Amino acid sequence: MEAKTEFRMLNTPGNGYGQSFQIGEIGPDFIQTEIDSLFQMLRQVQPYGVTPLATHLEDIYRTVKPMEHSLRTNGQRVALVLATDGIPTDHNGEPQHDQFERALKKLLT
Protein backbone atom coordinates (compact mmCIF):
# COMPACT_ATOMS: atom_id res chain seq x y z
CA MET A 1 0.00 0.00 0.00
CA GLU A 2 1.35 3.42 -0.87
CA ALA A 3 -0.90 5.56 1.32
CA LYS A 4 0.62 8.58 3.01
CA THR A 5 1.29 7.74 6.66
CA GLU A 6 2.25 10.08 9.46
CA PHE A 7 3.86 8.93 12.68
CA ARG A 8 3.58 11.48 15.44
CA MET A 9 5.54 11.36 18.67
CA LEU A 10 3.74 12.80 21.69
CA ASN A 11 6.90 14.54 22.83
CA THR A 12 9.86 15.80 20.82
CA PRO A 13 12.13 12.73 20.59
CA GLY A 14 15.45 14.60 20.54
CA ASN A 15 18.54 13.24 18.80
CA GLY A 16 17.84 15.67 15.95
CA TYR A 17 14.48 14.09 15.08
CA GLY A 18 11.26 16.02 14.60
CA GLN A 19 8.00 15.23 16.33
CA SER A 20 6.35 13.77 13.23
CA PHE A 21 7.60 11.47 10.52
CA GLN A 22 5.87 10.87 7.18
CA ILE A 23 6.05 7.92 4.83
CA GLY A 24 4.70 7.91 1.28
CA GLU A 25 4.73 11.64 0.78
CA ILE A 26 7.75 11.82 -1.54
CA GLY A 27 6.66 8.97 -3.78
CA PRO A 28 6.59 5.18 -4.06
CA ASP A 29 10.28 4.91 -4.97
CA PHE A 30 11.28 6.26 -1.56
CA ILE A 31 8.93 4.32 0.73
CA GLN A 32 11.46 1.68 1.80
CA THR A 33 14.08 4.36 2.52
CA GLU A 34 11.51 6.27 4.61
CA ILE A 35 10.56 3.10 6.50
CA ASP A 36 14.22 2.34 7.20
CA SER A 37 14.70 5.90 8.51
CA LEU A 38 11.62 5.56 10.72
CA PHE A 39 12.90 2.34 12.28
CA GLN A 40 16.32 3.90 12.82
CA MET A 41 14.67 6.80 14.65
CA LEU A 42 12.48 4.48 16.76
CA ARG A 43 15.54 2.50 17.85
CA GLN A 44 17.24 5.68 19.05
CA VAL A 45 14.46 7.31 21.07
CA GLN A 46 12.55 6.36 24.20
CA PRO A 47 9.24 7.55 25.59
CA TYR A 48 9.47 10.18 28.32
CA GLY A 49 7.54 12.99 29.91
CA VAL A 50 3.85 13.76 29.76
CA THR A 51 1.23 12.13 27.54
CA PRO A 52 -0.71 14.93 25.77
CA LEU A 53 -3.03 12.61 23.84
CA ALA A 54 -6.03 14.98 23.83
CA THR A 55 -3.93 17.81 22.40
CA HIS A 56 -2.62 15.59 19.61
CA LEU A 57 -6.08 14.22 18.81
CA GLU A 58 -7.36 17.79 18.51
CA ASP A 59 -4.46 18.63 16.17
CA ILE A 60 -5.23 15.56 14.07
CA TYR A 61 -8.90 16.57 13.91
CA ARG A 62 -7.95 20.06 12.68
CA THR A 63 -5.73 18.48 10.02
CA VAL A 64 -8.24 15.88 8.80
CA LYS A 65 -11.53 17.79 9.05
CA PRO A 66 -10.83 20.05 6.02
CA MET A 67 -10.13 16.90 3.98
CA GLU A 68 -13.38 15.19 4.96
CA HIS A 69 -15.38 15.98 1.81
CA SER A 70 -12.56 15.00 -0.53
CA LEU A 71 -11.87 11.79 1.37
CA ARG A 72 -15.54 10.78 1.32
CA THR A 73 -15.91 11.69 -2.36
CA ASN A 74 -12.91 9.52 -3.26
CA GLY A 75 -13.97 6.64 -1.01
CA GLN A 76 -10.91 7.11 1.19
CA ARG A 77 -10.60 6.72 4.93
CA VAL A 78 -8.30 7.82 7.68
CA ALA A 79 -6.83 5.18 9.98
CA LEU A 80 -5.68 6.35 13.38
CA VAL A 81 -3.59 4.10 15.58
CA LEU A 82 -2.71 5.19 19.11
CA ALA A 83 0.21 3.62 20.91
CA THR A 84 1.06 5.05 24.31
CA ASP A 85 2.91 4.18 27.48
CA GLY A 86 0.75 6.32 29.74
CA ILE A 87 -2.60 7.82 30.58
CA PRO A 88 -3.74 11.03 28.85
CA THR A 89 -2.29 14.09 30.55
CA ASP A 90 -1.89 17.77 29.82
CA HIS A 91 1.52 19.40 29.37
CA ASN A 92 1.86 19.64 33.16
CA GLY A 93 1.25 15.95 33.73
CA GLU A 94 -2.30 16.39 35.06
CA PRO A 95 -4.74 13.62 33.98
CA GLN A 96 -7.01 14.53 31.05
CA HIS A 97 -9.41 11.61 30.75
CA ASP A 98 -12.48 13.73 29.90
CA GLN A 99 -10.65 15.90 27.35
CA PHE A 100 -9.17 12.78 25.74
CA GLU A 101 -12.59 11.14 25.48
CA ARG A 102 -14.16 14.28 23.96
CA ALA A 103 -11.33 14.65 21.42
CA LEU A 104 -11.61 10.98 20.45
CA LYS A 105 -15.39 11.21 20.02
CA LYS A 106 -14.99 14.31 17.85
CA LEU A 107 -12.70 12.33 15.54
CA LEU A 108 -15.25 9.54 15.28
CA THR A 109 -18.03 11.82 14.02
PDB file of N, CA and C in Angstrom:
ATOM      1  N   MET A   1       0.836  -1.168   0.000  1.00  0.00           N
ATOM      2  CA  MET A   1       0.000   0.000   0.000  1.00  0.00           C
ATOM      3  C   MET A   1       0.891   1.245   0.000  1.00  0.00           C
ATOM      4  N   GLU A   2       0.519   2.226  -0.742  1.00  0.00           N
ATOM      5  CA  GLU A   2       1.350   3.425  -0.871  1.00  0.00           C
ATOM      6  C   GLU A   2       0.649   4.654  -0.307  1.00  0.00           C
ATOM      7  N   ALA A   3      -0.169   4.452   0.710  1.00  0.00           N
ATOM      8  CA  ALA A   3      -0.898   5.563   1.321  1.00  0.00           C
ATOM      9  C   ALA A   3       0.045   6.390   2.185  1.00  0.00           C
ATOM     10  N   LYS A   4      -0.162   7.688   2.155  1.00  0.00           N
ATOM     11  CA  LYS A   4       0.623   8.577   3.012  1.00  0.00           C
ATOM     12  C   LYS A   4       0.342   8.209   4.468  1.00  0.00           C
ATOM     13  N   THR A   5       1.396   8.109   5.253  1.00  0.00           N
ATOM     14  CA  THR A   5       1.288   7.736   6.658  1.00  0.00           C
ATOM     15  C   THR A   5       2.113   8.709   7.479  1.00  0.00           C
ATOM     16  N   GLU A   6       1.523   9.174   8.565  1.00  0.00           N
ATOM     17  CA  GLU A   6       2.248  10.077   9.463  1.00  0.00           C
ATOM     18  C   GLU A   6       2.372   9.427  10.826  1.00  0.00           C
ATOM     19  N   PHE A   7       3.589   9.395  11.335  1.00  0.00           N
ATOM     20  CA  PHE A   7       3.863   8.926  12.683  1.00  0.00           C
ATOM     21  C   PHE A   7       4.159  10.161  13.522  1.00  0.00           C
ATOM     22  N   ARG A   8       3.445  10.286  14.621  1.00  0.00           N
ATOM     23  CA  ARG A   8       3.578  11.483  15.445  1.00  0.00           C
ATOM     24  C   ARG A   8       3.979  11.073  16.855  1.00  0.00           C
ATOM     25  N   MET A   9       5.086  11.600  17.303  1.00  0.00           N
ATOM     26  CA  MET A   9       5.542  11.356  18.669  1.00  0.00           C
ATOM     27  C   MET A   9       4.836  12.351  19.587  1.00  0.00           C
ATOM     28  N   LEU A  10       4.427  11.909  20.760  1.00  0.00           N
ATOM     29  CA  LEU A  10       3.737  12.803  21.688  1.00  0.00           C
ATOM     30  C   LEU A  10       4.651  13.897  22.216  1.00  0.00           C
ATOM     31  N   ASN A  11       5.908  13.572  22.367  1.00  0.00           N
ATOM     32  CA  ASN A  11       6.898  14.538  22.833  1.00  0.00           C
ATOM     33  C   ASN A  11       8.036  14.573  21.822  1.00  0.00           C
ATOM     34  N   THR A  12       8.730  15.693  21.744  1.00  0.00           N
ATOM     35  CA  THR A  12       9.855  15.796  20.817  1.00  0.00           C
ATOM     36  C   THR A  12      10.892  14.735  21.191  1.00  0.00           C
ATOM     37  N   PRO A  13      11.253  13.859  20.260  1.00  0.00           N
ATOM     38  CA  PRO A  13      12.126  12.734  20.593  1.00  0.00           C
ATOM     39  C   PRO A  13      13.592  13.085  20.820  1.00  0.00           C
ATOM     40  N   GLY A  14      14.028  14.250  20.379  1.00  0.00           N
ATOM     41  CA  GLY A  14      15.446  14.601  20.540  1.00  0.00           C
ATOM     42  C   GLY A  14      16.300  13.899  19.503  1.00  0.00           C
ATOM     43  N   ASN A  15      17.585  13.856  19.727  1.00  0.00           N
ATOM     44  CA  ASN A  15      18.545  13.236  18.801  1.00  0.00           C
ATOM     45  C   ASN A  15      18.429  13.800  17.387  1.00  0.00           C
ATOM     46  N   GLY A  16      17.950  15.046  17.265  1.00  0.00           N
ATOM     47  CA  GLY A  16      17.836  15.673  15.952  1.00  0.00           C
ATOM     48  C   GLY A  16      16.598  15.299  15.166  1.00  0.00           C
ATOM     49  N   TYR A  17      15.687  14.526  15.776  1.00  0.00           N
ATOM     50  CA  TYR A  17      14.478  14.091  15.082  1.00  0.00           C
ATOM     51  C   TYR A  17      13.328  15.042  15.379  1.00  0.00           C
ATOM     52  N   GLY A  18      12.451  15.222  14.406  1.00  0.00           N
ATOM     53  CA  GLY A  18      11.258  16.018  14.603  1.00  0.00           C
ATOM     54  C   GLY A  18      10.176  15.212  15.298  1.00  0.00           C
ATOM     55  N   GLN A  19       9.077  15.879  15.600  1.00  0.00           N
ATOM     56  CA  GLN A  19       8.000  15.233  16.334  1.00  0.00           C
ATOM     57  C   GLN A  19       7.103  14.378  15.442  1.00  0.00           C
ATOM     58  N   SER A  20       7.138  14.615  14.129  1.00  0.00           N
ATOM     59  CA  SER A  20       6.345  13.770  13.229  1.00  0.00           C
ATOM     60  C   SER A  20       7.225  13.265  12.102  1.00  0.00           C
ATOM     61  N   PHE A  21       6.820  12.146  11.552  1.00  0.00           N
ATOM     62  CA  PHE A  21       7.596  11.474  10.518  1.00  0.00           C
ATOM     63  C   PHE A  21       6.611  10.945   9.491  1.00  0.00           C
ATOM     64  N   GLN A  22       6.813  11.276   8.221  1.00  0.00           N
ATOM     65  CA  GLN A  22       5.872  10.867   7.180  1.00  0.00           C
ATOM     66  C   GLN A  22       6.492   9.860   6.223  1.00  0.00           C
ATOM     67  N   ILE A  23       5.655   8.933   5.809  1.00  0.00           N
ATOM     68  CA  ILE A  23       6.046   7.918   4.829  1.00  0.00           C
ATOM     69  C   ILE A  23       5.052   7.995   3.673  1.00  0.00           C
ATOM     70  N   GLY A  24       5.552   7.919   2.453  1.00  0.00           N
ATOM     71  CA  GLY A  24       4.696   7.908   1.278  1.00  0.00           C
ATOM     72  C   GLY A  24       4.399   9.275   0.717  1.00  0.00           C
ATOM     73  N   GLU A  25       5.000  10.295   1.261  1.00  0.00           N
ATOM     74  CA  GLU A  25       4.725  11.641   0.778  1.00  0.00           C
ATOM     75  C   GLU A  25       5.599  11.998  -0.422  1.00  0.00           C
ATOM     76  N   ILE A  26       6.824  11.500  -0.449  1.00  0.00           N
ATOM     77  CA  ILE A  26       7.755  11.821  -1.540  1.00  0.00           C
ATOM     78  C   ILE A  26       7.397  11.052  -2.806  1.00  0.00           C
ATOM     79  N   GLY A  27       7.010   9.798  -2.635  1.00  0.00           N
ATOM     80  CA  GLY A  27       6.660   8.969  -3.784  1.00  0.00           C
ATOM     81  C   GLY A  27       6.989   7.520  -3.515  1.00  0.00           C
ATOM     82  N   PRO A  28       6.430   6.612  -4.311  1.00  0.00           N
ATOM     83  CA  PRO A  28       6.593   5.176  -4.060  1.00  0.00           C
ATOM     84  C   PRO A  28       8.036   4.685  -4.111  1.00  0.00           C
ATOM     85  N   ASP A  29       8.886   5.350  -4.867  1.00  0.00           N
ATOM     86  CA  ASP A  29      10.277   4.909  -4.969  1.00  0.00           C
ATOM     87  C   ASP A  29      11.057   5.115  -3.680  1.00  0.00           C
ATOM     88  N   PHE A  30      10.541   5.920  -2.770  1.00  0.00           N
ATOM     89  CA  PHE A  30      11.276   6.263  -1.561  1.00  0.00           C
ATOM     90  C   PHE A  30      10.680   5.640  -0.303  1.00  0.00           C
ATOM     91  N   ILE A  31       9.616   4.858  -0.443  1.00  0.00           N
ATOM     92  CA  ILE A  31       8.927   4.317   0.733  1.00  0.00           C
ATOM     93  C   ILE A  31       9.847   3.450   1.581  1.00  0.00           C
ATOM     94  N   GLN A  32      10.596   2.552   0.996  1.00  0.00           N
ATOM     95  CA  GLN A  32      11.464   1.683   1.795  1.00  0.00           C
ATOM     96  C   GLN A  32      12.522   2.495   2.527  1.00  0.00           C
ATOM     97  N   THR A  33      13.080   3.499   1.873  1.00  0.00           N
ATOM     98  CA  THR A  33      14.076   4.362   2.517  1.00  0.00           C
ATOM     99  C   THR A  33      13.440   5.088   3.693  1.00  0.00           C
ATOM    100  N   GLU A  34      12.207   5.574   3.516  1.00  0.00           N
ATOM    101  CA  GLU A  34      11.511   6.267   4.606  1.00  0.00           C
ATOM    102  C   GLU A  34      11.218   5.315   5.764  1.00  0.00           C
ATOM    103  N   ILE A  35      10.816   4.093   5.460  1.00  0.00           N
ATOM    104  CA  ILE A  35      10.561   3.100   6.504  1.00  0.00           C
ATOM    105  C   ILE A  35      11.837   2.787   7.258  1.00  0.00           C
ATOM    106  N   ASP A  36      12.933   2.606   6.544  1.00  0.00           N
ATOM    107  CA  ASP A  36      14.222   2.338   7.198  1.00  0.00           C
ATOM    108  C   ASP A  36      14.606   3.487   8.123  1.00  0.00           C
ATOM    109  N   SER A  37      14.384   4.725   7.682  1.00  0.00           N
ATOM    110  CA  SER A  37      14.699   5.895   8.511  1.00  0.00           C
ATOM    111  C   SER A  37      13.805   5.938   9.746  1.00  0.00           C
ATOM    112  N   LEU A  38      12.535   5.583   9.583  1.00  0.00           N
ATOM    113  CA  LEU A  38      11.623   5.556  10.725  1.00  0.00           C
ATOM    114  C   LEU A  38      12.100   4.551  11.766  1.00  0.00           C
ATOM    115  N   PHE A  39      12.434   3.349  11.337  1.00  0.00           N
ATOM    116  CA  PHE A  39      12.902   2.335  12.277  1.00  0.00           C
ATOM    117  C   PHE A  39      14.203   2.752  12.955  1.00  0.00           C
ATOM    118  N   GLN A  40      15.080   3.404  12.220  1.00  0.00           N
ATOM    119  CA  GLN A  40      16.318   3.904  12.824  1.00  0.00           C
ATOM    120  C   GLN A  40      15.990   4.904  13.933  1.00  0.00           C
ATOM    121  N   MET A  41      15.066   5.818  13.657  1.00  0.00           N
ATOM    122  CA  MET A  41      14.670   6.797  14.653  1.00  0.00           C
ATOM    123  C   MET A  41      14.044   6.117  15.868  1.00  0.00           C
ATOM    124  N   LEU A  42      13.150   5.157  15.648  1.00  0.00           N
ATOM    125  CA  LEU A  42      12.482   4.484  16.759  1.00  0.00           C
ATOM    126  C   LEU A  42      13.455   3.713  17.643  1.00  0.00           C
ATOM    127  N   ARG A  43      14.528   3.202  17.060  1.00  0.00           N
ATOM    128  CA  ARG A  43      15.542   2.497  17.854  1.00  0.00           C
ATOM    129  C   ARG A  43      16.358   3.458  18.716  1.00  0.00           C
ATOM    130  N   GLN A  44      16.389   4.725  18.363  1.00  0.00           N
ATOM    131  CA  GLN A  44      17.245   5.684  19.054  1.00  0.00           C
ATOM    132  C   GLN A  44      16.523   6.559  20.078  1.00  0.00           C
ATOM    133  N   VAL A  45      15.205   6.465  20.143  1.00  0.00           N
ATOM    134  CA  VAL A  45      14.458   7.312  21.072  1.00  0.00           C
ATOM    135  C   VAL A  45      13.682   6.448  22.058  1.00  0.00           C
ATOM    136  N   GLN A  46      13.341   7.047  23.191  1.00  0.00           N
ATOM    137  CA  GLN A  46      12.554   6.364  24.205  1.00  0.00           C
ATOM    138  C   GLN A  46      11.447   7.289  24.667  1.00  0.00           C
ATOM    139  N   PRO A  47      10.309   6.711  25.081  1.00  0.00           N
ATOM    140  CA  PRO A  47       9.237   7.551  25.591  1.00  0.00           C
ATOM    141  C   PRO A  47       9.669   8.231  26.892  1.00  0.00           C
ATOM    142  N   TYR A  48       9.182   9.446  27.088  1.00  0.00           N
ATOM    143  CA  TYR A  48       9.473  10.181  28.323  1.00  0.00           C
ATOM    144  C   TYR A  48       8.426  11.270  28.494  1.00  0.00           C
ATOM    145  N   GLY A  49       8.351  11.801  29.661  1.00  0.00           N
ATOM    146  CA  GLY A  49       7.538  12.987  29.908  1.00  0.00           C
ATOM    147  C   GLY A  49       6.045  12.730  29.962  1.00  0.00           C
ATOM    148  N   VAL A  50       5.310  13.775  29.675  1.00  0.00           N
ATOM    149  CA  VAL A  50       3.854  13.762  29.763  1.00  0.00           C
ATOM    150  C   VAL A  50       3.245  13.064  28.552  1.00  0.00           C
ATOM    151  N   THR A  51       1.925  12.855  28.606  1.00  0.00           N
ATOM    152  CA  THR A  51       1.230  12.129  27.543  1.00  0.00           C
ATOM    153  C   THR A  51       0.059  12.979  27.034  1.00  0.00           C
ATOM    154  N   PRO A  52       0.336  14.008  26.222  1.00  0.00           N
ATOM    155  CA  PRO A  52      -0.709  14.931  25.771  1.00  0.00           C
ATOM    156  C   PRO A  52      -1.564  14.374  24.619  1.00  0.00           C
ATOM    157  N   LEU A  53      -2.232  13.258  24.879  1.00  0.00           N
ATOM    158  CA  LEU A  53      -3.025  12.609  23.839  1.00  0.00           C
ATOM    159  C   LEU A  53      -4.169  13.485  23.343  1.00  0.00           C
ATOM    160  N   ALA A  54      -4.893  14.148  24.250  1.00  0.00           N
ATOM    161  CA  ALA A  54      -6.033  14.976  23.829  1.00  0.00           C
ATOM    162  C   ALA A  54      -5.566  16.093  22.896  1.00  0.00           C
ATOM    163  N   THR A  55      -4.463  16.728  23.232  1.00  0.00           N
ATOM    164  CA  THR A  55      -3.931  17.809  22.398  1.00  0.00           C
ATOM    165  C   THR A  55      -3.600  17.298  20.998  1.00  0.00           C
ATOM    166  N   HIS A  56      -2.977  16.145  20.917  1.00  0.00           N
ATOM    167  CA  HIS A  56      -2.620  15.590  19.610  1.00  0.00           C
ATOM    168  C   HIS A  56      -3.853  15.159  18.819  1.00  0.00           C
ATOM    169  N   LEU A  57      -4.855  14.594  19.503  1.00  0.00           N
ATOM    170  CA  LEU A  57      -6.081  14.223  18.805  1.00  0.00           C
ATOM    171  C   LEU A  57      -6.782  15.459  18.247  1.00  0.00           C
ATOM    172  N   GLU A  58      -6.770  16.544  18.995  1.00  0.00           N
ATOM    173  CA  GLU A  58      -7.361  17.794  18.508  1.00  0.00           C
ATOM    174  C   GLU A  58      -6.593  18.319  17.296  1.00  0.00           C
ATOM    175  N   ASP A  59      -5.272  18.215  17.323  1.00  0.00           N
ATOM    176  CA  ASP A  59      -4.457  18.627  16.171  1.00  0.00           C
ATOM    177  C   ASP A  59      -4.779  17.765  14.943  1.00  0.00           C
ATOM    178  N   ILE A  60      -4.909  16.470  15.167  1.00  0.00           N
ATOM    179  CA  ILE A  60      -5.226  15.560  14.065  1.00  0.00           C
ATOM    180  C   ILE A  60      -6.601  15.904  13.494  1.00  0.00           C
ATOM    181  N   TYR A  61      -7.559  16.184  14.358  1.00  0.00           N
ATOM    182  CA  TYR A  61      -8.898  16.572  13.907  1.00  0.00           C
ATOM    183  C   TYR A  61      -8.816  17.817  13.025  1.00  0.00           C
ATOM    184  N   ARG A  62      -8.068  18.831  13.473  1.00  0.00           N
ATOM    185  CA  ARG A  62      -7.946  20.063  12.682  1.00  0.00           C
ATOM    186  C   ARG A  62      -7.248  19.814  11.341  1.00  0.00           C
ATOM    187  N   THR A  63      -6.407  18.819  11.271  1.00  0.00           N
ATOM    188  CA  THR A  63      -5.731  18.477  10.020  1.00  0.00           C
ATOM    189  C   THR A  63      -6.664  17.719   9.080  1.00  0.00           C
ATOM    190  N   VAL A  64      -7.425  16.780   9.611  1.00  0.00           N
ATOM    191  CA  VAL A  64      -8.236  15.882   8.798  1.00  0.00           C
ATOM    192  C   VAL A  64      -9.590  16.486   8.419  1.00  0.00           C
ATOM    193  N   LYS A  65     -10.181  17.261   9.292  1.00  0.00           N
ATOM    194  CA  LYS A  65     -11.533  17.792   9.050  1.00  0.00           C
ATOM    195  C   LYS A  65     -11.656  18.516   7.707  1.00  0.00           C
ATOM    196  N   PRO A  66     -10.705  19.396   7.332  1.00  0.00           N
ATOM    197  CA  PRO A  66     -10.828  20.054   6.023  1.00  0.00           C
ATOM    198  C   PRO A  66     -10.762  19.089   4.839  1.00  0.00           C
ATOM    199  N   MET A  67     -10.241  17.888   5.045  1.00  0.00           N
ATOM    200  CA  MET A  67     -10.127  16.898   3.977  1.00  0.00           C
ATOM    201  C   MET A  67     -11.355  15.993   3.890  1.00  0.00           C
ATOM    202  N   GLU A  68     -12.271  16.133   4.839  1.00  0.00           N
ATOM    203  CA  GLU A  68     -13.383  15.188   4.956  1.00  0.00           C
ATOM    204  C   GLU A  68     -14.158  15.012   3.657  1.00  0.00           C
ATOM    205  N   HIS A  69     -14.579  16.085   3.036  1.00  0.00           N
ATOM    206  CA  HIS A  69     -15.382  15.980   1.813  1.00  0.00           C
ATOM    207  C   HIS A  69     -14.613  15.246   0.709  1.00  0.00           C
ATOM    208  N   SER A  70     -13.378  15.634   0.509  1.00  0.00           N
ATOM    209  CA  SER A  70     -12.556  15.004  -0.526  1.00  0.00           C
ATOM    210  C   SER A  70     -12.347  13.520  -0.242  1.00  0.00           C
ATOM    211  N   LEU A  71     -12.072  13.186   1.010  1.00  0.00           N
ATOM    212  CA  LEU A  71     -11.872  11.787   1.374  1.00  0.00           C
ATOM    213  C   LEU A  71     -13.139  10.966   1.106  1.00  0.00           C
ATOM    214  N   ARG A  72     -14.274  11.500   1.531  1.00  0.00           N
ATOM    215  CA  ARG A  72     -15.541  10.778   1.322  1.00  0.00           C
ATOM    216  C   ARG A  72     -15.853  10.637  -0.173  1.00  0.00           C
ATOM    217  N   THR A  73     -15.638  11.717  -0.921  1.00  0.00           N
ATOM    218  CA  THR A  73     -15.909  11.694  -2.358  1.00  0.00           C
ATOM    219  C   THR A  73     -15.068  10.634  -3.059  1.00  0.00           C
ATOM    220  N   ASN A  74     -13.823  10.469  -2.631  1.00  0.00           N
ATOM    221  CA  ASN A  74     -12.911   9.521  -3.257  1.00  0.00           C
ATOM    222  C   ASN A  74     -12.941   8.139  -2.610  1.00  0.00           C
ATOM    223  N   GLY A  75     -13.865   7.940  -1.665  1.00  0.00           N
ATOM    224  CA  GLY A  75     -13.967   6.637  -1.013  1.00  0.00           C
ATOM    225  C   GLY A  75     -12.763   6.304  -0.154  1.00  0.00           C
ATOM    226  N   GLN A  76     -12.105   7.325   0.361  1.00  0.00           N
ATOM    227  CA  GLN A  76     -10.911   7.114   1.185  1.00  0.00           C
ATOM    228  C   GLN A  76     -11.259   7.250   2.659  1.00  0.00           C
ATOM    229  N   ARG A  77     -10.412   6.673   3.482  1.00  0.00           N
ATOM    230  CA  ARG A  77     -10.604   6.719   4.928  1.00  0.00           C
ATOM    231  C   ARG A  77      -9.303   7.109   5.610  1.00  0.00           C
ATOM    232  N   VAL A  78      -9.453   7.514   6.841  1.00  0.00           N
ATOM    233  CA  VAL A  78      -8.299   7.816   7.680  1.00  0.00           C
ATOM    234  C   VAL A  78      -8.222   6.729   8.739  1.00  0.00           C
ATOM    235  N   ALA A  79      -7.052   6.157   8.922  1.00  0.00           N
ATOM    236  CA  ALA A  79      -6.827   5.179   9.984  1.00  0.00           C
ATOM    237  C   ALA A  79      -5.971   5.841  11.049  1.00  0.00           C
ATOM    238  N   LEU A  80      -6.418   5.763  12.274  1.00  0.00           N
ATOM    239  CA  LEU A  80      -5.683   6.355  13.385  1.00  0.00           C
ATOM    240  C   LEU A  80      -5.347   5.249  14.363  1.00  0.00           C
ATOM    241  N   VAL A  81      -4.063   5.091  14.630  1.00  0.00           N
ATOM    242  CA  VAL A  81      -3.594   4.096  15.581  1.00  0.00           C
ATOM    243  C   VAL A  81      -2.900   4.835  16.718  1.00  0.00           C
ATOM    244  N   LEU A  82      -3.337   4.574  17.941  1.00  0.00           N
ATOM    245  CA  LEU A  82      -2.714   5.191  19.109  1.00  0.00           C
ATOM    246  C   LEU A  82      -1.885   4.142  19.835  1.00  0.00           C
ATOM    247  N   ALA A  83      -0.660   4.482  20.108  1.00  0.00           N
ATOM    248  CA  ALA A  83       0.211   3.624  20.914  1.00  0.00           C
ATOM    249  C   ALA A  83       0.826   4.518  21.981  1.00  0.00           C
ATOM    250  N   THR A  84       0.597   4.186  23.231  1.00  0.00           N
ATOM    251  CA  THR A  84       1.061   5.050  24.307  1.00  0.00           C
ATOM    252  C   THR A  84       1.565   4.229  25.484  1.00  0.00           C
ATOM    253  N   ASP A  85       2.408   4.839  26.279  1.00  0.00           N
ATOM    254  CA  ASP A  85       2.906   4.183  27.477  1.00  0.00           C
ATOM    255  C   ASP A  85       2.319   4.817  28.736  1.00  0.00           C
ATOM    256  N   GLY A  86       1.301   5.655  28.564  1.00  0.00           N
ATOM    257  CA  GLY A  86       0.750   6.324  29.735  1.00  0.00           C
ATOM    258  C   GLY A  86      -0.683   6.761  29.553  1.00  0.00           C
ATOM    259  N   ILE A  87      -1.240   7.299  30.625  1.00  0.00           N
ATOM    260  CA  ILE A  87      -2.600   7.821  30.582  1.00  0.00           C
ATOM    261  C   ILE A  87      -2.576   9.220  29.985  1.00  0.00           C
ATOM    262  N   PRO A  88      -3.704   9.681  29.425  1.00  0.00           N
ATOM    263  CA  PRO A  88      -3.745  11.026  28.850  1.00  0.00           C
ATOM    264  C   PRO A  88      -3.505  12.094  29.921  1.00  0.00           C
ATOM    265  N   THR A  89      -2.571  12.989  29.632  1.00  0.00           N
ATOM    266  CA  THR A  89      -2.288  14.092  30.554  1.00  0.00           C
ATOM    267  C   THR A  89      -2.182  15.384  29.755  1.00  0.00           C
ATOM    268  N   ASP A  90      -2.182  16.499  30.467  1.00  0.00           N
ATOM    269  CA  ASP A  90      -1.892  17.770  29.823  1.00  0.00           C
ATOM    270  C   ASP A  90      -0.382  17.972  29.843  1.00  0.00           C
ATOM    271  N   HIS A  91       0.070  19.147  29.439  1.00  0.00           N
ATOM    272  CA  HIS A  91       1.515  19.398  29.370  1.00  0.00           C
ATOM    273  C   HIS A  91       2.168  19.548  30.740  1.00  0.00           C
ATOM    274  N   ASN A  92       1.332  19.581  31.793  1.00  0.00           N
ATOM    275  CA  ASN A  92       1.855  19.642  33.163  1.00  0.00           C
ATOM    276  C   ASN A  92       1.806  18.290  33.857  1.00  0.00           C
ATOM    277  N   GLY A  93       1.328  17.278  33.146  1.00  0.00           N
ATOM    278  CA  GLY A  93       1.245  15.945  33.728  1.00  0.00           C
ATOM    279  C   GLY A  93      -0.052  15.660  34.459  1.00  0.00           C
ATOM    280  N   GLU A  94      -1.013  16.597  34.408  1.00  0.00           N
ATOM    281  CA  GLU A  94      -2.301  16.390  35.063  1.00  0.00           C
ATOM    282  C   GLU A  94      -3.181  15.505  34.173  1.00  0.00           C
ATOM    283  N   PRO A  95      -3.882  14.517  34.775  1.00  0.00           N
ATOM    284  CA  PRO A  95      -4.738  13.619  33.981  1.00  0.00           C
ATOM    285  C   PRO A  95      -5.775  14.386  33.171  1.00  0.00           C
ATOM    286  N   GLN A  96      -6.053  13.895  31.960  1.00  0.00           N
ATOM    287  CA  GLN A  96      -7.006  14.528  31.045  1.00  0.00           C
ATOM    288  C   GLN A  96      -7.955  13.497  30.441  1.00  0.00           C
ATOM    289  N   HIS A  97      -8.536  12.666  31.270  1.00  0.00           N
ATOM    290  CA  HIS A  97      -9.408  11.606  30.746  1.00  0.00           C
ATOM    291  C   HIS A  97     -10.598  12.174  29.975  1.00  0.00           C
ATOM    292  N   ASP A  98     -11.288  13.171  30.550  1.00  0.00           N
ATOM    293  CA  ASP A  98     -12.481  13.729  29.896  1.00  0.00           C
ATOM    294  C   ASP A  98     -12.130  14.416  28.585  1.00  0.00           C
ATOM    295  N   GLN A  99     -11.062  15.202  28.569  1.00  0.00           N
ATOM    296  CA  GLN A  99     -10.649  15.895  27.349  1.00  0.00           C
ATOM    297  C   GLN A  99     -10.252  14.884  26.273  1.00  0.00           C
ATOM    298  N   PHE A 100      -9.569  13.829  26.686  1.00  0.00           N
ATOM    299  CA  PHE A 100      -9.172  12.784  25.741  1.00  0.00           C
ATOM    300  C   PHE A 100     -10.411  12.125  25.131  1.00  0.00           C
ATOM    301  N   GLU A 101     -11.380  11.786  25.970  1.00  0.00           N
ATOM    302  CA  GLU A 101     -12.591  11.138  25.479  1.00  0.00           C
ATOM    303  C   GLU A 101     -13.346  12.058  24.518  1.00  0.00           C
ATOM    304  N   ARG A 102     -13.467  13.336  24.846  1.00  0.00           N
ATOM    305  CA  ARG A 102     -14.158  14.285  23.956  1.00  0.00           C
ATOM    306  C   ARG A 102     -13.439  14.406  22.612  1.00  0.00           C
ATOM    307  N   ALA A 103     -12.103  14.521  22.657  1.00  0.00           N
ATOM    308  CA  ALA A 103     -11.329  14.652  21.417  1.00  0.00           C
ATOM    309  C   ALA A 103     -11.468  13.390  20.559  1.00  0.00           C
ATOM    310  N   LEU A 104     -11.463  12.242  21.185  1.00  0.00           N
ATOM    311  CA  LEU A 104     -11.606  10.982  20.448  1.00  0.00           C
ATOM    312  C   LEU A 104     -13.001  10.879  19.820  1.00  0.00           C
ATOM    313  N   LYS A 105     -14.023  11.248  20.559  1.00  0.00           N
ATOM    314  CA  LYS A 105     -15.390  11.211  20.022  1.00  0.00           C
ATOM    315  C   LYS A 105     -15.539  12.174  18.857  1.00  0.00           C
ATOM    316  N   LYS A 106     -14.909  13.333  18.946  1.00  0.00           N
ATOM    317  CA  LYS A 106     -14.990  14.311  17.852  1.00  0.00           C
ATOM    318  C   LYS A 106     -14.408  13.719  16.575  1.00  0.00           C
ATOM    319  N   LEU A 107     -13.316  12.977  16.705  1.00  0.00           N
ATOM    320  CA  LEU A 107     -12.699  12.334  15.543  1.00  0.00           C
ATOM    321  C   LEU A 107     -13.605  11.275  14.925  1.00  0.00           C
ATOM    322  N   LEU A 108     -14.403  10.645  15.744  1.00  0.00           N
ATOM    323  CA  LEU A 108     -15.250   9.539  15.275  1.00  0.00           C
ATOM    324  C   LEU A 108     -16.519  10.014  14.597  1.00  0.00           C
ATOM    325  N   THR A 109     -16.801  11.317  14.639  1.00  0.00           N
ATOM    326  CA  THR A 109     -18.031  11.816  14.016  1.00  0.00           C
ATOM    327  C   THR A 109     -17.805  12.154  12.560  1.00  0.00           C
TER     328      THR A 109
END
